[in-house]
Amino acid sequence: MSKFNATALLSWSVAAFGTWRNRRAVANMRDFDDAQLADIGLSRRDVEIALQAPISTDPMLHLIGARKNPLKGVRHS
């Protein structure tokens, strides 16, 4: 196996693992109540839509875009 192929495989594996880990985290958000989801700027529908994305798509990307008040909790100096 060439160095390029090994590097590409490692890069793909790291990305796939990150997507899988994020998909599990989003799936666990199904256990949050509506108030908890609202506290982080999300709705139950946002979580369900994120999980309907293809398995190869990171559901966190949808949630980041769906968040209401994206600057909530960010301090400005």
C-alpha atoms as a PDB file:
ATOM      1  CA  MET A   1       0.000   0.000   0.000  1.00  0.00           C
ATOM      2  CA  SER A   2       1.454   3.348  -0.956  1.00  0.00           C
ATOM      3  CA  LYS A   3       1.920   6.143   1.562  1.00  0.00           C
ATOM      4  CA  PHE A   4      -0.805   8.145  -0.188  1.00  0.00           C
ATOM      5  CA  ASN A   5      -3.340   5.319   0.096  1.00  0.00           C
ATOM      6  CA  ALA A   6      -2.517   4.759   3.767  1.00  0.00           C
ATOM      7  CA  THR A   7      -2.901   8.477   4.510  1.00  0.00           C
ATOM      8  CA  ALA A   8      -6.194   8.658   2.609  1.00  0.00           C
ATOM      9  CA  LEU A   9      -7.510   5.589   4.422  1.00  0.00           C
ATOM     10  CA  LEU A  10      -6.521   7.001   7.795  1.00  0.00           C
ATOM     11  CA  SER A  11      -8.134  10.350   6.974  1.00  0.00           C
ATOM     12  CA  TRP A  12     -11.364   8.658   5.855  1.00  0.00           C
ATOM     13  CA  SER A  13     -11.387   6.457   8.973  1.00  0.00           C
ATOM     14  CA  VAL A  14     -10.991   9.441  11.292  1.00  0.00           C
ATOM     15  CA  ALA A  15     -13.802  11.321   9.519  1.00  0.00           C
ATOM     16  CA  ALA A  16     -16.084   8.259   9.573  1.00  0.00           C
ATOM     17  CA  PHE A  17     -15.458   7.752  13.287  1.00  0.00           C
ATOM     18  CA  GLY A  18     -16.245  11.416  13.992  1.00  0.00           C
ATOM     19  CA  THR A  19     -19.489  11.187  12.028  1.00  0.00           C
ATOM     20  CA  TRP A  20     -20.473   7.998  13.874  1.00  0.00           C
ATOM     21  CA  ARG A  21     -19.660   9.577  17.266  1.00  0.00           C
ATOM     22  CA  ASN A  22     -21.682  12.697  16.419  1.00  0.00           C
ATOM     23  CA  ARG A  23     -24.609  10.604  15.171  1.00  0.00           C
ATOM     24  CA  ARG A  24     -24.670   8.797  18.540  1.00  0.00           C
ATOM     25  CA  ALA A  25     -24.565  12.119  20.405  1.00  0.00           C
ATOM     26  CA  VAL A  26     -27.456  13.504  18.355  1.00  0.00           C
ATOM     27  CA  ALA A  27     -29.433  10.275  18.849  1.00  0.00           C
ATOM     28  CA  ASN A  28     -28.960  10.708  22.604  1.00  0.00           C
ATOM     29  CA  MET A  29     -30.565  14.148  22.280  1.00  0.00           C
ATOM     30  CA  ARG A  30     -33.859  12.326  21.698  1.00  0.00           C
ATOM     31  CA  ASP A  31     -33.863  11.793  25.472  1.00  0.00           C
ATOM     32  CA  PHE A  32     -33.725  15.551  26.154  1.00  0.00           C
ATOM     33  CA  ASP A  33     -36.974  17.246  27.062  1.00  0.00           C
ATOM     34  CA  ASP A  34     -38.227  20.206  25.023  1.00  0.00           C
ATOM     35  CA  ALA A  35     -36.933  22.735  27.563  1.00  0.00           C
ATOM     36  CA  GLN A  36     -33.413  21.284  27.416  1.00  0.00           C
ATOM     37  CA  LEU A  37     -33.422  21.397  23.633  1.00  0.00           C
ATOM     38  CA  ALA A  38     -34.699  24.980  23.698  1.00  0.00           C
ATOM     39  CA  ASP A  39     -31.867  25.920  26.070  1.00  0.00           C
ATOM     40  CA  ILE A  40     -29.365  24.958  23.389  1.00  0.00           C
ATOM     41  CA  GLY A  41     -31.388  26.607  20.640  1.00  0.00           C
ATOM     42  CA  LEU A  42     -32.870  23.453  19.100  1.00  0.00           C
ATOM     43  CA  SER A  43     -36.249  21.808  18.713  1.00  0.00           C
ATOM     44  CA  ARG A  44     -37.177  18.140  18.690  1.00  0.00           C
ATOM     45  CA  ARG A  45     -37.829  18.469  14.955  1.00  0.00           C
ATOM     46  CA  ASP A  46     -34.253  19.711  14.410  1.00  0.00           C
ATOM     47  CA  VAL A  47     -32.898  16.562  16.055  1.00  0.00           C
ATOM     48  CA  GLU A  48     -35.144  14.233  14.046  1.00  0.00           C
ATOM     49  CA  ILE A  49     -34.310  15.949  10.741  1.00  0.00           C
ATOM     50  CA  ALA A  50     -30.589  15.722  11.518  1.00  0.00           C
ATOM     51  CA  LEU A  51     -30.913  11.978  12.098  1.00  0.00           C
ATOM     52  CA  GLN A  52     -32.782  11.485   8.805  1.00  0.00           C
ATOM     53  CA  ALA A  53     -29.704  12.592   6.855  1.00  0.00           C
ATOM     54  CA  PRO A  54     -27.763   9.853   5.060  1.00  0.00           C
ATOM     55  CA  ILE A  55     -25.580   7.751   7.365  1.00  0.00           C
ATOM     56  CA  SER A  56     -22.444   9.232   5.806  1.00  0.00           C
ATOM     57  CA  THR A  57     -23.530  12.789   6.683  1.00  0.00           C
ATOM     58  CA  ASP A  58     -22.560  14.308  10.029  1.00  0.00           C
ATOM     59  CA  PRO A  59     -25.857  15.270  11.740  1.00  0.00           C
ATOM     60  CA  MET A  60     -24.076  17.938  13.806  1.00  0.00           C
ATOM     61  CA  LEU A  61     -23.716  20.009  10.638  1.00  0.00           C
ATOM     62  CA  HIS A  62     -27.510  20.246  10.403  1.00  0.00           C
ATOM     63  CA  LEU A  63     -27.867  21.114  14.077  1.00  0.00           C
ATOM     64  CA  ILE A  64     -25.259  23.863  13.844  1.00  0.00           C
ATOM     65  CA  GLY A  65     -27.222  25.431  10.990  1.00  0.00           C
ATOM     66  CA  ALA A  66     -30.571  24.925  12.711  1.00  0.00           C
ATOM     67  CA  ARG A  67     -29.634  26.543  16.030  1.00  0.00           C
ATOM     68  CA  LYS A  68     -31.627  29.551  17.010  1.00  0.00           C
ATOM     69  CA  ASN A  69     -29.594  32.324  18.689  1.00  0.00           C
ATOM     70  CA  PRO A  70     -26.230  30.987  17.482  1.00  0.00           C
ATOM     71  CA  LEU A  71     -24.363  33.413  19.753  1.00  0.00           C
ATOM     72  CA  LYS A  72     -26.247  32.457  22.898  1.00  0.00           C
ATOM     73  CA  GLY A  73     -23.786  31.784  25.671  1.00  0.00           C
ATOM     74  CA  VAL A  74     -20.858  33.431  23.855  1.00  0.00           C
ATOM     75  CA  ARG A  75     -19.051  36.143  25.763  1.00  0.00           C
ATOM     76  CA  HIS A  76     -18.009  39.274  23.974  1.00  0.00           C
ATOM     77  CA  SER A  77     -14.875  40.970  25.308  1.00  0.00           C
END
